[in-house]
């Protein structure tokens, strides 16, 4: 019977990212996937800059990026066809190293993730297989894996099983966990089409907030374009099995003669969050434990946050001993965070999908006034909250994302996460603040902590400290704006704490040890 550190059910983007993050840190991983080949057409189409940082540590971000498109922003059009709300994209230089939002083609990403896994000696891929059964005790999970074609079964053991097996998760069902319904339930048809010739199209992604037929237009990468169109009360998904019916509806938004439809599918957009995210040794991630309406482009991004959050904690537990306290923070941190994102996505869905004309006109008046008077939030990422619970301290920056500056490396600029490992970081804006860590240097090394100083020019650094030269000024401005010379950063690049002096550092390291389950 083969033993793995982690067995993952599902090799979609969430499972593929989780497997790569774990394997890159040396854990043995078995990933079980029902389908032998990557699903050939896209579902998700948006990645944000936090998701791209997770993909960096998988080794695929820089390969994927040339085939993505930075998001051009979003216009919301009211009943009269004029703008009632908008999102503008964050301009470069990008605080987290990547455009705040990009569109991509999901099968291309999944192929990259699978290829990366296939090159890792510590990964076993069971394609065309399912997790047929599992049992767990206090120290392991016994997993039965079934070959979908032959019915043959084999058994493996693992320290952990993770269900990344989608909205209809069998792992969740076997655990007996349920989903809390956030009361959003609408049928929409999603159409992906390749543009074949020039025709009039919006420059930006567009939300058609029209009571007669709400819809979304998304500017995809290359010549891919997407429409998401709400079904009317008298319609059913079967109505759109007729290509002529689909084209007639799309003609409300575009000259369909200029497009080759790649795929169309009806989806029941829902808003749900799992009541529980884990038993002791079995965890859920991605759509298996939450489903997000697509109106903020955050469904897949939320799954990749799950993967990044869970990955570093499983790595830490494997290296330093199992800690229920540490692993319980996966749900403590992720559940309220994704719940807020889903609530925001639902609110935008209600704005876009309003089908009562009187209410839609009142909506337009209200939103136009907010936009005109400068009271409207026009940055999409403002609706993505910081972490509020878990492995954090009482600190204004704790739970926010650490910036990712460009670093001068061998006469070229590289992103910080390409240089710094997926580990705890003690980052300072000057070498003097590194002296505060000296009394704790051995303990910091024992948890894999790295010491980094980032400055504007090459300066000597103490032993054990990596000196980096910033190519721009993103980190320098961030440190100055937050009046901090030092910061502790988690492996998933959330800020744990800012540090003001040596005593402050000692207190925060003691707190961190306790939260990681290392305190005596």
Protein backbone atom coordinates (compact mmCIF):
# COMPACT_ATOMS: atom_id res chain seq x y z
CA UNK A 1 0.00 0.00 0.00
CA UNK A 2 1.56 3.27 -1.13
CA UNK A 3 1.69 6.21 1.26
CA UNK A 4 1.55 9.89 0.29
CA UNK A 5 1.76 13.06 2.29
CA UNK A 6 -1.35 14.34 0.50
CA UNK A 7 -3.97 12.82 -1.80
CA UNK A 8 -5.98 15.36 -3.82
CA UNK A 9 -9.28 14.54 -5.51
CA UNK A 10 -9.66 16.75 -8.58
CA UNK A 11 -7.09 18.23 -10.95
CA UNK A 12 -8.88 21.36 -12.03
CA UNK A 13 -7.11 24.66 -11.38
CA UNK A 14 -7.57 24.52 -7.59
CA UNK A 15 -6.36 20.93 -7.28
CA UNK A 16 -3.59 21.48 -9.82
CA UNK A 17 -2.29 24.55 -8.01
CA UNK A 18 -2.47 22.86 -4.61
CA UNK A 19 -0.60 19.81 -5.92
CA UNK A 20 2.13 21.93 -7.49
CA UNK A 21 2.58 24.10 -4.40
CA UNK A 22 2.90 21.04 -2.16
CA UNK A 23 5.17 19.12 -4.50
CA UNK A 24 7.43 22.12 -5.03
CA UNK A 25 8.02 22.07 -1.26
CA UNK A 26 8.97 18.39 -1.31
CA UNK A 27 5.74 16.71 -0.21
CA UNK A 28 4.67 13.50 -1.92
CA UNK A 29 1.36 14.04 -3.69
CA UNK A 30 -1.14 11.77 -5.41
CA UNK A 31 -3.69 13.63 -7.53
CA UNK A 32 -6.78 11.75 -8.65
CA UNK A 33 -8.78 13.10 -11.60
CA UNK A 34 -11.89 11.67 -13.23
CA UNK A 35 -11.05 12.92 -16.73
CA UNK A 36 -7.93 11.65 -18.53
CA UNK A 37 -7.65 14.86 -20.57
CA UNK A 38 -8.07 18.52 -19.72
CA UNK A 39 -11.64 19.72 -20.27
CA UNK A 40 -11.34 21.34 -23.70
CA UNK A 41 -13.38 24.53 -23.23
CA UNK A 42 -13.16 27.32 -20.64
CA UNK A 43 -15.30 27.91 -17.60
CA UNK A 44 -13.44 30.54 -15.59
CA UNK A 45 -11.98 33.43 -17.57
CA UNK A 46 -10.54 35.80 -14.92
CA UNK A 47 -7.44 35.66 -12.72
CA UNK A 48 -6.39 38.39 -10.29
CA UNK A 49 -2.94 39.39 -9.13
CA UNK A 50 -3.15 37.28 -5.98
CA UNK A 51 -3.93 34.20 -8.08
CA UNK A 52 -0.94 34.97 -10.28
CA UNK A 53 1.33 34.97 -7.23
CA UNK A 54 0.14 31.46 -6.40
CA UNK A 55 0.85 30.45 -9.99
CA UNK A 56 4.36 31.89 -9.64
CA UNK A 57 5.13 29.33 -6.96
CA UNK A 58 3.73 26.62 -9.24
CA UNK A 59 6.26 27.66 -11.88
CA UNK A 60 3.67 28.51 -14.55
CA UNK A 61 2.84 32.22 -14.13
CA UNK A 62 5.49 33.56 -16.50
CA UNK A 63 4.62 30.93 -19.11
CA UNK A 64 0.92 31.74 -18.88
CA UNK A 65 1.17 35.52 -18.76
CA UNK A 66 1.90 36.20 -22.47
CA UNK A 67 -1.36 34.44 -23.37
CA UNK A 68 -3.44 36.54 -20.95
CA UNK A 69 -4.93 40.01 -21.39
CA UNK A 70 -4.83 42.68 -18.68
CA UNK A 71 -8.43 43.50 -17.86
CA UNK A 72 -9.46 46.79 -19.52
CA UNK A 73 -11.99 47.72 -16.83
CA UNK A 74 -15.78 47.47 -16.75
CA UNK A 75 -18.62 49.77 -17.70
CA UNK A 76 -22.13 49.20 -16.33
CA UNK A 77 -24.79 50.46 -18.74
CA UNK A 78 -28.21 51.51 -17.47
CA UNK A 79 -31.62 51.30 -19.07
CA UNK A 80 -30.78 54.15 -21.47
CA UNK A 81 -27.47 52.59 -22.50
CA UNK A 82 -25.36 55.16 -20.64
CA UNK A 83 -22.80 54.44 -17.91
CA UNK A 84 -24.18 54.14 -14.38
CA UNK A 85 -21.16 52.49 -12.74
CA UNK A 86 -17.61 51.59 -13.70
CA UNK A 87 -14.41 49.87 -12.69
CA UNK A 88 -11.04 51.18 -13.85
CA UNK A 89 -8.01 48.87 -13.88
CA UNK A 90 -5.05 49.62 -11.64
CA UNK A 91 -2.29 51.21 -13.75
CA UNK A 92 1.30 49.94 -13.78
CA UNK A 93 3.57 49.60 -11.94
CA UNK A 94 1.50 46.88 -10.29
CA UNK A 95 1.70 46.69 -6.51
CA UNK A 96 1.57 42.89 -6.48
CA UNK A 97 3.72 42.41 -9.56
CA UNK A 98 0.90 41.52 -11.96
CA UNK A 99 -2.11 43.32 -13.44
CA UNK A 100 -4.86 43.50 -10.83
CA UNK A 101 -7.13 41.42 -13.10
CA UNK A 102 -6.45 39.51 -16.32
CA UNK A 103 -8.47 37.29 -18.63
CA UNK A 104 -7.12 33.89 -19.64
CA UNK A 105 -8.10 30.65 -21.35
CA UNK A 106 -8.67 27.96 -18.74
CA UNK A 107 -7.65 24.86 -20.74
CA UNK A 108 -4.26 26.48 -21.43
CA UNK A 109 -3.68 27.00 -17.71
CA UNK A 110 -4.79 23.47 -16.82
CA UNK A 111 -2.42 21.96 -19.39
CA UNK A 112 0.47 23.96 -17.91
CA UNK A 113 -0.40 22.81 -14.40
CA UNK A 114 -0.62 19.16 -15.48
CA UNK A 115 2.66 19.39 -17.36
CA UNK A 116 4.35 20.91 -14.31
CA UNK A 117 3.01 18.04 -12.19
CA UNK A 118 4.18 15.44 -14.71
CA UNK A 119 7.75 16.73 -14.35
CA UNK A 120 7.81 16.36 -10.56
CA UNK A 121 9.18 13.03 -9.33
CA UNK A 122 7.21 13.27 -6.08
CA UNK A 123 3.82 13.48 -7.84
CA UNK A 124 1.69 10.49 -8.83
CA UNK A 125 -1.10 11.33 -11.27
CA UNK A 126 -4.11 9.02 -11.36
CA UNK A 127 -6.00 10.26 -14.41
CA UNK A 128 -9.27 8.62 -15.38
CA UNK A 129 -9.77 7.67 -11.73
CA UNK A 130 -11.94 8.72 -8.80
CA UNK A 131 -11.75 8.57 -5.02
CA UNK A 132 -14.31 5.82 -4.43
CA UNK A 133 -14.09 5.77 -0.64
CA UNK A 134 -12.04 6.94 2.31
CA UNK A 135 -11.78 6.51 6.04
CA UNK A 136 -9.76 8.57 8.47
CA UNK A 137 -8.35 8.21 11.93
CA UNK A 138 -6.24 10.51 14.06
CA UNK A 139 -3.05 10.00 12.04
CA UNK A 140 -3.97 9.17 8.45
CA UNK A 141 -6.59 8.73 5.74
CA UNK A 142 -7.10 5.44 3.91
CA UNK A 143 -8.18 6.21 0.35
CA UNK A 144 -9.72 3.83 -2.18
CA UNK A 145 -8.99 4.87 -5.77
CA UNK A 146 -11.08 3.42 -8.61
CA UNK A 147 -10.18 3.31 -12.29
CA UNK A 148 -13.20 4.71 -14.15
CA UNK A 149 -12.61 2.55 -17.24
CA UNK A 150 -11.83 -0.84 -15.70
CA UNK A 151 -13.35 -0.57 -12.25
CA UNK A 152 -10.06 -1.76 -10.74
CA UNK A 153 -9.43 -0.48 -7.23
CA UNK A 154 -6.32 0.25 -5.22
CA UNK A 155 -5.77 1.58 -1.74
CA UNK A 156 -3.37 4.26 -0.60
CA UNK A 157 -2.77 6.03 2.68
CA UNK A 158 -2.10 9.71 3.21
CA UNK A 159 -1.60 12.17 6.01
CA UNK A 160 -4.28 14.33 4.36
CA UNK A 161 -7.01 14.06 1.72
CA UNK A 162 -8.19 17.24 0.00
CA UNK A 163 -11.41 17.38 -2.02
CA UNK A 164 -10.99 19.77 -4.95
CA UNK A 165 -13.67 17.92 -6.85
CA UNK A 166 -16.03 20.71 -7.78
CA UNK A 167 -19.50 21.90 -6.92
CA UNK A 168 -20.91 18.36 -6.88
CA UNK A 169 -18.07 17.18 -4.63
CA UNK A 170 -18.28 13.53 -3.66
CA UNK A 171 -15.78 14.17 -0.87
CA UNK A 172 -18.11 16.78 0.66
CA UNK A 173 -21.10 14.47 0.34
CA UNK A 174 -19.27 11.58 2.01
CA UNK A 175 -18.28 13.87 4.87
CA UNK A 176 -21.94 14.80 5.27
CA UNK A 177 -21.19 18.52 5.04
CA UNK A 178 -23.72 20.95 3.59
CA UNK A 179 -23.63 24.30 1.83
CA UNK A 180 -25.21 27.45 3.22
CA UNK A 181 -27.32 29.09 0.52
CA UNK A 182 -26.80 32.85 0.16
CA UNK A 183 -30.06 33.06 -1.78
CA UNK A 184 -28.88 33.72 -5.30
CA UNK A 185 -30.17 31.31 -7.93
CA UNK A 186 -30.35 32.35 -11.58
CA UNK A 187 -29.97 30.65 -14.97
CA UNK A 188 -27.56 32.28 -17.40
CA UNK A 189 -26.14 31.10 -20.71
CA UNK A 190 -22.40 31.55 -21.24
CA UNK A 191 -21.08 31.88 -24.79
CA UNK A 192 -17.41 31.90 -25.76
CA UNK A 193 -16.73 32.95 -29.35
CA UNK A 194 -13.73 33.72 -31.54
CA UNK A 195 -13.84 37.05 -33.33
CA UNK A 196 -13.25 36.55 -37.06
CA UNK A 197 -13.57 40.09 -38.44
CA UNK A 198 -13.72 43.70 -37.35
CA UNK A 199 -17.02 44.80 -35.86
CA UNK A 200 -18.17 47.36 -33.33
CA UNK A 201 -17.52 46.14 -29.78
CA UNK A 202 -17.07 47.87 -26.42
CA UNK A 203 -13.45 48.55 -25.52
CA UNK A 204 -14.09 47.49 -21.92
CA UNK A 205 -15.89 44.59 -20.36
CA UNK A 206 -19.52 45.68 -20.26
CA UNK A 207 -22.44 44.93 -17.97
CA UNK A 208 -25.70 45.46 -19.82
CA UNK A 209 -27.99 46.27 -16.89
CA UNK A 210 -31.07 46.09 -19.08
CA UNK A 211 -34.34 44.79 -17.60
CA UNK A 212 -35.29 43.46 -21.03
CA UNK A 213 -32.28 41.10 -21.05
CA UNK A 214 -29.34 41.54 -18.61
CA UNK A 215 -26.00 40.42 -19.99
CA UNK A 216 -22.24 40.63 -19.57
CA UNK A 217 -19.61 41.06 -22.28
CA UNK A 218 -16.02 40.07 -21.41
CA UNK A 219 -12.92 41.01 -23.39
CA UNK A 220 -10.94 37.78 -23.40
CA UNK A 221 -7.35 37.20 -24.48
CA UNK A 222 -6.40 37.26 -28.15
CA UNK A 223 -9.63 37.24 -30.18
CA UNK A 224 -11.74 35.38 -27.59
CA UNK A 225 -14.89 37.15 -26.45
CA UNK A 226 -17.48 36.02 -23.91
CA UNK A 227 -21.14 36.82 -23.34
CA UNK A 228 -23.09 35.82 -20.26
CA UNK A 229 -26.82 36.30 -20.88
CA UNK A 230 -29.58 35.96 -18.31
CA UNK A 231 -32.50 33.67 -19.09
CA UNK A 232 -35.91 35.29 -18.88
CA UNK A 233 -38.63 33.99 -16.57
CA UNK A 234 -40.41 32.04 -19.31
CA UNK A 235 -37.20 30.47 -20.70
CA UNK A 236 -35.45 27.21 -19.86
CA UNK A 237 -31.91 26.01 -20.63
CA UNK A 238 -33.30 23.69 -23.29
CA UNK A 239 -34.50 26.70 -25.29
CA UNK A 240 -30.88 27.50 -26.11
CA UNK A 241 -30.11 24.08 -27.53
CA UNK A 242 -31.35 25.66 -30.77
CA UNK A 243 -28.38 27.52 -32.35
CA UNK A 244 -30.74 29.88 -34.17
CA UNK A 245 -32.35 30.89 -30.87
CA UNK A 246 -28.93 31.55 -29.33
CA UNK A 247 -27.79 33.66 -32.27
CA UNK A 248 -31.00 35.66 -32.24
CA UNK A 249 -30.48 36.59 -28.59
CA UNK A 250 -26.80 37.42 -29.11
CA UNK A 251 -27.76 39.75 -31.95
CA UNK A 252 -29.01 42.17 -29.28
CA UNK A 253 -25.37 42.83 -28.37
CA UNK A 254 -23.16 42.14 -31.39
CA UNK A 255 -23.04 41.33 -35.09
CA UNK A 256 -22.89 37.58 -34.65
CA UNK A 257 -21.74 37.10 -38.26
CA UNK A 258 -18.25 38.11 -37.14
CA UNK A 259 -17.96 35.31 -34.59
CA UNK A 260 -17.40 31.57 -34.50
CA UNK A 261 -19.05 30.19 -31.37
CA UNK A 262 -16.57 27.97 -29.53
CA UNK A 263 -18.98 26.78 -26.89
CA UNK A 264 -22.21 27.70 -25.14
CA UNK A 265 -23.55 26.29 -21.90
CA UNK A 266 -26.25 27.20 -19.42
CA UNK A 267 -25.26 27.56 -15.78
CA UNK A 268 -27.21 28.00 -12.60
CA UNK A 269 -25.33 30.85 -10.95
CA UNK A 270 -25.39 30.25 -7.20
CA UNK A 271 -23.97 31.74 -4.01
CA UNK A 272 -23.09 29.11 -1.42
CA UNK A 273 -20.50 28.52 1.32
CA UNK A 274 -19.76 25.27 3.11
CA UNK A 275 -20.88 24.95 6.71
CA UNK A 276 -17.68 23.02 7.45
CA UNK A 277 -14.44 22.97 5.49
CA UNK A 278 -12.64 20.05 7.10
CA UNK A 279 -12.80 17.08 9.36
CA UNK A 280 -9.51 16.30 11.09
CA UNK A 281 -7.58 14.93 8.11
CA UNK A 282 -9.91 15.67 5.18
CA UNK A 283 -10.21 19.17 3.73
CA UNK A 284 -12.31 20.81 1.02
CA UNK A 285 -11.19 23.54 -1.38
CA UNK A 286 -12.51 25.50 -4.34
CA UNK A 287 -16.00 24.89 -5.68
CA UNK A 288 -16.30 21.85 -3.42
CA UNK A 289 -16.82 24.26 -0.51
CA UNK A 290 -18.00 27.53 -2.06
CA UNK A 291 -19.68 28.74 -5.24
CA UNK A 292 -19.44 32.35 -6.33
CA UNK A 293 -21.59 34.20 -8.87
CA UNK A 294 -19.27 35.39 -11.67
CA UNK A 295 -19.98 39.11 -11.46
CA UNK A 296 -16.65 39.99 -9.79
CA UNK A 297 -14.59 37.38 -11.62
CA UNK A 298 -13.63 35.83 -8.28
CA UNK A 299 -14.81 32.21 -8.42
CA UNK A 300 -11.53 30.64 -9.49
CA UNK A 301 -9.48 33.25 -7.64
CA UNK A 302 -11.17 32.16 -4.40
CA UNK A 303 -10.24 28.55 -5.09
CA UNK A 304 -6.59 29.48 -5.65
CA UNK A 305 -6.62 31.42 -2.37
CA UNK A 306 -7.81 28.22 -0.71
CA UNK A 307 -4.96 26.29 -2.31
CA UNK A 308 -2.28 28.80 -1.29
CA UNK A 309 -3.60 29.08 2.28
CA UNK A 310 -3.89 25.34 2.80
CA UNK A 311 -0.62 24.49 1.04
CA UNK A 312 1.71 26.39 3.33
CA UNK A 313 -0.03 25.06 6.42
CA UNK A 314 0.20 21.45 5.23
CA UNK A 315 3.87 21.96 4.40
CA UNK A 316 4.49 23.41 7.85
CA UNK A 317 2.63 20.54 9.54
CA UNK A 318 4.62 17.98 7.58
CA UNK A 319 7.93 19.56 8.59
CA UNK A 320 7.18 20.52 12.18
CA UNK A 321 4.48 18.12 13.35
CA UNK A 322 0.73 18.05 13.04
CA UNK A 323 -1.11 20.88 14.77
CA UNK A 324 -4.90 20.93 14.92
CA UNK A 325 -4.67 24.58 15.97
CA UNK A 326 -2.69 25.50 12.87
CA UNK A 327 -4.79 23.51 10.40
CA UNK A 328 -8.06 24.79 11.88
CA UNK A 329 -7.08 28.28 10.75
CA UNK A 330 -7.66 27.22 7.14
CA UNK A 331 -11.41 27.45 7.70
CA UNK A 332 -11.10 30.29 10.21
CA UNK A 333 -9.35 32.45 7.62
CA UNK A 334 -10.88 31.38 4.35
CA UNK A 335 -14.56 30.94 5.20
CA UNK A 336 -15.37 34.54 6.28
CA UNK A 337 -13.15 35.93 3.52
CA UNK A 338 -14.88 34.06 0.71
CA UNK A 339 -18.28 34.75 2.29
CA UNK A 340 -17.63 38.50 1.94
CA UNK A 341 -16.47 38.10 -1.65
CA UNK A 342 -19.58 36.07 -2.47
CA UNK A 343 -21.82 38.66 -0.84
CA UNK A 344 -20.22 41.39 -2.96
CA UNK A 345 -20.57 39.27 -6.11
CA UNK A 346 -24.22 38.65 -5.29
CA UNK A 347 -24.81 42.39 -4.82
CA UNK A 348 -23.32 43.10 -8.23
CA UNK A 349 -25.42 40.31 -9.70
CA UNK A 350 -28.55 41.95 -8.33
CA UNK A 351 -27.51 45.30 -9.83
CA UNK A 352 -26.85 43.78 -13.24
CA UNK A 353 -29.76 41.36 -13.30
CA UNK A 354 -32.62 43.63 -12.21
CA UNK A 355 -35.59 42.89 -14.50
CA UNK A 356 -38.19 45.27 -13.09
CA UNK A 357 -37.97 48.46 -15.15
CA UNK A 358 -39.14 50.83 -12.41
CA UNK A 359 -36.57 49.45 -9.96
CA UNK A 360 -33.92 49.53 -12.69
CA UNK A 361 -34.58 53.21 -13.37
CA UNK A 362 -34.32 54.01 -9.66
CA UNK A 363 -31.06 52.00 -9.53
CA UNK A 364 -29.72 54.06 -12.42
CA UNK A 365 -30.55 57.36 -10.70
CA UNK A 366 -28.88 56.26 -7.47
CA UNK A 367 -25.71 54.92 -9.09
CA UNK A 368 -25.32 57.88 -11.45
CA UNK A 369 -25.49 60.24 -8.49
CA UNK A 370 -22.80 58.26 -6.67
CA UNK A 371 -20.58 58.29 -9.76
CA UNK A 372 -21.13 61.98 -10.46
CA UNK A 373 -20.43 63.00 -6.85
CA UNK A 374 -17.29 60.86 -6.54
CA UNK A 375 -18.82 58.56 -3.92
CA UNK A 376 -18.48 55.39 -5.97
CA UNK A 377 -15.70 52.83 -5.48
CA UNK A 378 -14.27 52.32 -8.96
CA UNK A 379 -11.55 49.76 -8.19
CA UNK A 380 -12.59 46.11 -8.40
CA UNK A 381 -9.95 44.95 -5.88
CA UNK A 382 -11.49 47.20 -3.22
CA UNK A 383 -14.21 44.57 -2.90
CA UNK A 384 -11.68 41.86 -1.97
CA UNK A 385 -11.23 42.07 1.82
CA UNK A 386 -8.13 41.51 3.88
CA UNK A 387 -7.93 38.49 6.14
CA UNK A 388 -9.63 39.23 9.44
CA UNK A 389 -9.09 36.06 11.49
CA UNK A 390 -6.50 33.36 12.07
CA UNK A 391 -2.73 33.62 12.05
CA UNK A 392 -2.63 37.38 12.43
CA UNK A 393 -1.97 40.01 15.09
CA UNK A 394 -3.65 43.25 16.10
CA UNK A 395 -1.87 45.40 13.55
CA UNK A 396 -3.27 47.68 10.82
CA UNK A 397 -1.37 45.84 8.06
CA UNK A 398 -1.90 42.32 9.40
CA UNK A 399 -4.02 40.37 6.93
CA UNK A 400 -3.24 42.60 3.97
CA UNK A 401 -1.16 41.45 1.02
CA UNK A 402 2.54 42.21 0.91
CA UNK A 403 3.59 44.14 -2.17
CA UNK A 404 5.76 42.39 -4.75
CA UNK A 405 8.48 44.73 -6.00
CA UNK A 406 10.76 44.13 -8.94
CA UNK A 407 14.29 43.23 -7.91
CA UNK A 408 17.50 43.84 -9.83
CA UNK A 409 19.00 40.41 -10.49
CA UNK A 410 21.92 39.85 -12.84
CA UNK A 411 21.24 43.13 -14.63
CA UNK A 412 17.56 42.43 -15.18
CA UNK A 413 14.40 42.93 -13.16
CA UNK A 414 12.75 39.92 -11.52
CA UNK A 415 9.71 39.76 -9.28
CA UNK A 416 10.41 39.27 -5.59
CA UNK A 417 8.53 35.95 -5.34
CA UNK A 418 10.75 34.52 -8.08
CA UNK A 419 13.70 35.07 -5.76
CA UNK A 420 12.24 34.54 -2.27
CA UNK A 421 10.99 31.04 -1.39
CA UNK A 422 7.46 30.17 -0.24
CA UNK A 423 8.40 30.64 3.40
CA UNK A 424 8.06 33.10 6.24
CA UNK A 425 9.98 36.29 5.47
CA UNK A 426 11.39 38.96 7.74
CA UNK A 427 11.69 41.90 5.34
CA UNK A 428 13.31 45.20 6.25
CA UNK A 429 13.84 48.49 4.48
CA UNK A 430 17.33 48.89 5.94
CA UNK A 431 20.07 46.66 7.30
CA UNK A 432 19.85 48.16 10.80
CA UNK A 433 16.41 46.65 11.42
CA UNK A 434 17.86 43.20 10.72
CA UNK A 435 19.76 43.48 14.01
CA UNK A 436 16.43 43.09 15.83
CA UNK A 437 16.25 39.51 14.53
CA UNK A 438 19.72 38.46 15.73
CA UNK A 439 18.57 37.10 19.15
CA UNK A 440 15.96 34.99 17.35
CA UNK A 441 17.97 33.99 14.27
CA UNK A 442 18.29 30.29 15.11
CA UNK A 443 14.60 29.90 15.92
CA UNK A 444 13.69 31.78 12.75
CA UNK A 445 15.82 29.43 10.66
CA UNK A 446 14.23 26.39 12.30
CA UNK A 447 10.82 27.34 10.90
CA UNK A 448 12.35 28.00 7.50
CA UNK A 449 12.21 31.76 7.91
CA UNK A 450 14.20 33.93 5.52
CA UNK A 451 15.73 37.33 6.22
CA UNK A 452 15.52 39.91 3.44
CA UNK A 453 16.57 43.54 3.19
CA UNK A 454 15.27 45.53 0.20
CA UNK A 455 17.02 48.80 -0.60
CA UNK A 456 17.39 51.19 -3.51
CA UNK A 457 21.08 50.44 -4.03
CA UNK A 458 23.52 47.66 -3.23
CA UNK A 459 24.56 47.81 0.43
CA UNK A 460 26.37 45.32 2.68
CA UNK A 461 24.06 43.03 4.65
CA UNK A 462 24.65 41.06 7.87
CA UNK A 463 25.40 37.34 7.69
CA UNK A 464 22.30 35.29 7.03
CA UNK A 465 20.50 38.19 5.36
CA UNK A 466 19.75 38.32 1.63
CA UNK A 467 20.26 41.83 0.26
CA UNK A 468 18.00 42.80 -2.63
CA UNK A 469 18.04 45.95 -4.71
CA UNK A 470 14.65 47.25 -5.77
CA UNK A 471 14.31 48.13 -9.46
CA UNK A 472 11.54 50.64 -8.80
CA UNK A 473 10.10 52.09 -5.61
CA UNK A 474 6.99 50.00 -4.85
CA UNK A 475 8.39 48.55 -1.63
CA UNK A 476 10.07 51.79 -0.54
CA UNK A 477 6.84 53.75 -0.96
CA UNK A 478 4.79 51.02 0.73
CA UNK A 479 7.12 50.90 3.76
CA UNK A 480 7.18 54.69 4.04
CA UNK A 481 3.42 55.03 3.66
CA UNK A 482 2.90 52.51 6.46
CA UNK A 483 5.67 53.95 8.67
CA UNK A 484 7.40 50.62 9.07
CA UNK A 485 10.99 49.54 8.62
CA UNK A 486 10.29 45.83 9.07
CA UNK A 487 7.52 43.35 8.38
CA UNK A 488 6.87 39.64 8.94
CA UNK A 489 5.30 38.04 5.87
CA UNK A 490 3.54 34.67 5.72
CA UNK A 491 4.35 32.08 3.05
CA UNK A 492 1.13 32.98 1.20
CA UNK A 493 2.35 36.58 1.14
CA UNK A 494 -0.13 38.00 3.61
CA UNK A 495 1.42 40.35 6.12
CA UNK A 496 1.60 38.80 9.58
CA UNK A 497 2.84 41.90 11.37
CA UNK A 498 4.74 45.13 11.07
CA UNK A 499 7.67 45.53 13.48
CA UNK A 500 8.62 48.75 15.24
CA UNK A 501 11.62 47.72 17.34
CA UNK A 502 13.41 44.74 18.91
CA UNK A 503 10.91 44.31 21.76
CA UNK A 504 8.00 44.46 19.33
CA UNK A 505 9.63 41.76 17.20
CA UNK A 506 10.18 39.50 20.21
CA UNK A 507 6.54 39.78 21.24
CA UNK A 508 5.26 39.06 17.74
CA UNK A 509 7.55 36.07 17.23
CA UNK A 510 6.34 34.61 20.53
CA UNK A 511 2.76 35.09 19.34
CA UNK A 512 3.56 33.49 15.99
CA UNK A 513 5.14 30.44 17.64
CA UNK A 514 1.99 29.91 19.68
CA UNK A 515 -0.25 30.20 16.62
CA UNK A 516 1.91 27.73 14.71
CA UNK A 517 1.72 25.24 17.57
CA UNK A 518 5.41 25.60 18.44
CA UNK A 519 5.15 27.20 21.89
CA UNK A 520 6.40 25.13 24.80
